[in-house]
Amino acid sequence: MSWLEKKKDYTYLEVKAYGVNSIYYVVFLAFSVLGTAFYGYFFAFHLLHIAVLNQLLKRVIQAVTTNGTSLLLVGMLGMVIIFIYALLSFAVLRERFLEASKGRDCTTVYECFITVLHHGFVDSLYTKQRETEVLNGASCSMKNDDMIRYANKIDEESARKEAIISSLKEEKEKSSADGRRQQQE
């Protein structure tokens, strides 16, 4: 069969009903209708169309999806390392965790793991210890002289602002007193 015969067999009206593109455009249309009829939040799906139009983004998605198992294994390795750190925290550093009211529990290994997982990504685990270091000046980057100059500068600025406010109040009182005198005359 020659290329001319193959070309004659193919028409532009043929559509693969269960192809990825067909399903994508049906979902695209459905989200358009839902966005128009109900909530505009459904139009957020249309932002994914940027990835369909851009060749670079297509390659990025392809790189992530073809190497998906490798990425999952790397994620599992990260979770194992975090679990080992949680075990060490449970065994040695349990008393350094903050109180349970702030969501930092370490009474069981599971609680320690969840605490390390959440607060390790969100903020430092030992916020209370860090606060005491800052208050004691152990990790302060400014020298004492600089801190005193900065505090004095703030005091001077606040004194200037108070003087301006009091002068404005006095002028307002004088103008209101002058207005009363003129009304009495």
Protein backbone atom coordinates (compact mmCIF):
# COMPACT_ATOMS: atom_id res chain seq x y z
CA MET A 1 0.00 0.00 0.00
CA SER A 2 1.48 3.32 -1.06
CA TRP A 3 1.36 6.57 0.88
CA LEU A 4 -1.28 7.88 -1.51
CA GLU A 5 -3.60 4.98 -0.72
CA LYS A 6 -3.03 5.51 3.03
CA LYS A 7 -3.84 9.17 2.62
CA LYS A 8 -7.09 8.39 0.84
CA ASP A 9 -8.19 6.10 3.68
CA TYR A 10 -7.74 8.84 6.29
CA THR A 11 -10.23 11.67 6.62
CA TYR A 12 -10.24 14.66 8.94
CA LEU A 13 -13.68 13.74 10.21
CA GLU A 14 -12.45 10.63 11.97
CA VAL A 15 -12.34 11.03 15.73
CA LYS A 16 -11.08 8.60 18.29
CA ALA A 17 -13.94 8.66 20.78
CA TYR A 18 -11.92 7.32 23.71
CA GLY A 19 -8.65 9.04 22.94
CA VAL A 20 -6.94 11.22 25.53
CA ASN A 21 -7.53 14.39 23.53
CA SER A 22 -11.23 13.66 23.07
CA ILE A 23 -11.74 13.03 26.78
CA TYR A 24 -9.72 16.16 27.61
CA TYR A 25 -11.88 18.37 25.40
CA VAL A 26 -15.11 16.83 26.70
CA VAL A 27 -13.98 17.60 30.26
CA PHE A 28 -12.90 21.06 29.05
CA LEU A 29 -16.40 21.66 27.68
CA ALA A 30 -18.04 20.29 30.84
CA PHE A 31 -16.03 22.61 33.06
CA SER A 32 -16.94 25.53 30.79
CA VAL A 33 -20.63 24.76 31.20
CA LEU A 34 -20.26 24.25 34.98
CA GLY A 35 -18.32 27.51 35.29
CA THR A 36 -20.98 29.40 33.37
CA ALA A 37 -23.92 27.80 35.12
CA PHE A 38 -22.73 27.50 38.71
CA TYR A 39 -19.42 28.80 39.98
CA GLY A 40 -16.55 30.51 38.23
CA TYR A 41 -14.15 28.29 40.13
CA PHE A 42 -14.66 25.62 37.48
CA PHE A 43 -12.81 27.83 34.99
CA ALA A 44 -9.60 27.15 36.91
CA PHE A 45 -9.37 23.85 35.00
CA HIS A 46 -8.82 25.88 31.83
CA LEU A 47 -5.49 27.08 33.17
CA LEU A 48 -4.16 23.59 32.45
CA HIS A 49 -4.66 24.32 28.76
CA ILE A 50 -1.46 26.37 28.91
CA ALA A 51 0.43 23.10 29.32
CA VAL A 52 -1.27 21.70 26.22
CA LEU A 53 -0.28 24.70 24.10
CA ASN A 54 3.33 25.06 25.28
CA GLN A 55 5.90 22.52 24.05
CA LEU A 56 8.27 23.15 26.97
CA LEU A 57 5.55 22.43 29.53
CA LYS A 58 4.57 19.32 27.59
CA ARG A 59 8.16 18.08 27.93
CA VAL A 60 8.18 18.85 31.66
CA ILE A 61 4.97 16.88 32.19
CA GLN A 62 6.38 14.05 30.11
CA ALA A 63 9.58 14.02 32.18
CA VAL A 64 7.62 13.84 35.41
CA THR A 65 5.21 11.16 34.23
CA THR A 66 7.78 8.88 32.60
CA ASN A 67 10.00 9.00 35.66
CA GLY A 68 7.08 8.75 38.07
CA THR A 69 8.28 5.57 39.76
CA SER A 70 11.70 7.08 40.37
CA LEU A 71 10.11 10.17 41.91
CA LEU A 72 7.88 8.02 44.12
CA LEU A 73 10.88 6.04 45.32
CA VAL A 74 12.77 9.25 46.13
CA GLY A 75 9.72 10.43 48.10
CA MET A 76 9.63 7.13 49.98
CA LEU A 77 13.33 7.51 50.80
CA GLY A 78 12.64 10.99 52.17
CA MET A 79 9.84 9.62 54.35
CA VAL A 80 12.16 6.89 55.68
CA ILE A 81 14.79 9.49 56.58
CA ILE A 82 12.14 11.61 58.34
CA PHE A 83 10.93 8.50 60.19
CA ILE A 84 14.49 7.75 61.37
CA TYR A 85 14.77 11.33 62.62
CA ALA A 86 11.41 10.94 64.39
CA LEU A 87 12.65 7.76 66.07
CA LEU A 88 15.76 9.57 67.29
CA SER A 89 13.61 12.47 68.47
CA PHE A 90 11.35 10.06 70.33
CA ALA A 91 14.28 8.31 72.00
CA VAL A 92 16.48 11.29 72.85
CA LEU A 93 14.82 14.67 72.28
CA ARG A 94 11.28 14.02 73.51
CA GLU A 95 11.44 16.60 76.30
CA ARG A 96 12.53 19.36 73.90
CA PHE A 97 9.26 19.24 71.97
CA LEU A 98 6.74 21.89 72.90
CA GLU A 99 3.42 21.25 74.58
CA ALA A 100 0.58 19.41 72.92
CA SER A 101 -1.60 22.53 72.78
CA LYS A 102 0.52 23.78 69.87
CA GLY A 103 0.33 20.45 68.06
CA ARG A 104 3.78 19.24 69.01
CA ASP A 105 3.27 15.86 70.64
CA CYS A 106 5.88 13.20 71.14
CA THR A 107 4.31 10.63 73.46
CA THR A 108 4.29 7.89 70.80
CA VAL A 109 6.47 7.24 67.77
CA TYR A 110 3.52 7.98 65.49
CA GLU A 111 2.90 11.37 67.14
CA CYS A 112 6.61 12.14 66.94
CA PHE A 113 6.63 11.24 63.24
CA ILE A 114 3.61 13.44 62.47
CA THR A 115 5.13 16.31 64.50
CA VAL A 116 8.47 16.06 62.73
CA LEU A 117 6.77 15.73 59.36
CA HIS A 118 4.49 18.73 59.83
CA HIS A 119 6.58 21.12 61.88
CA GLY A 120 9.80 20.14 60.15
CA PHE A 121 8.40 21.50 56.89
CA VAL A 122 6.37 24.38 58.29
CA ASP A 123 8.72 25.85 60.90
CA SER A 124 11.47 24.72 63.23
CA LEU A 125 10.70 22.00 65.73
CA TYR A 126 12.18 23.83 68.67
CA THR A 127 10.56 27.25 68.40
CA LYS A 128 10.49 27.69 72.18
CA GLN A 129 14.25 27.10 72.43
CA ARG A 130 14.85 29.54 69.57
CA GLU A 131 12.72 32.20 71.28
CA THR A 132 14.73 31.92 74.50
CA GLU A 133 17.98 32.19 72.53
CA VAL A 134 16.78 35.35 70.83
CA LEU A 135 15.56 36.84 74.10
CA ASN A 136 18.88 36.07 75.77
CA GLY A 137 20.75 37.57 72.83
CA ALA A 138 22.62 34.37 71.99
CA SER A 139 21.82 34.51 68.28
CA CYS A 140 21.23 38.22 67.85
CA SER A 141 22.93 39.65 64.78
CA MET A 142 22.91 43.28 65.95
CA LYS A 143 25.51 44.58 68.36
CA ASN A 144 24.35 46.20 71.59
CA ASP A 145 25.45 49.67 70.48
CA ASP A 146 23.49 49.32 67.25
CA MET A 147 20.43 48.19 69.18
CA ILE A 148 20.67 51.20 71.51
CA ARG A 149 21.04 53.59 68.55
CA TYR A 150 18.06 51.99 66.83
CA ALA A 151 15.94 52.26 70.00
CA ASN A 152 16.94 55.91 70.44
CA LYS A 153 16.05 56.63 66.82
CA ILE A 154 12.62 55.10 67.33
CA ASP A 155 12.15 57.16 70.51
CA GLU A 156 13.11 60.37 68.68
CA GLU A 157 10.70 59.64 65.84
CA SER A 158 7.85 58.92 68.23
CA ALA A 159 8.63 62.12 70.17
CA ARG A 160 8.52 64.11 66.90
CA LYS A 161 5.20 62.53 65.97
CA GLU A 162 3.75 63.34 69.40
CA ALA A 163 4.93 66.96 69.10
CA ILE A 164 3.31 67.31 65.68
CA ILE A 165 0.07 65.81 66.94
CA SER A 166 -0.03 68.09 69.99
CA SER A 167 0.67 71.18 67.84
CA LEU A 168 -2.11 70.18 65.46
CA LYS A 169 -4.48 69.75 68.40
CA GLU A 170 -3.53 73.20 69.75
CA GLU A 171 -4.12 74.81 66.34
CA LYS A 172 -7.49 73.09 66.09
CA GLU A 173 -8.47 74.31 69.56
CA LYS A 174 -7.36 77.88 68.71
CA SER A 175 -9.31 77.87 65.44
CA SER A 176 -12.42 76.51 67.15
CA ALA A 177 -12.05 79.14 69.93
CA ASP A 178 -11.68 81.89 67.29
CA GLY A 179 -14.76 80.57 65.51
CA ARG A 180 -16.76 80.72 68.75
CA ARG A 181 -15.65 84.32 69.40
CA GLN A 182 -16.69 85.38 65.92
CA GLN A 183 -20.08 83.72 66.36
CA GLN A 184 -20.58 85.54 69.70
CA GLU A 185 -19.81 88.94 68.16
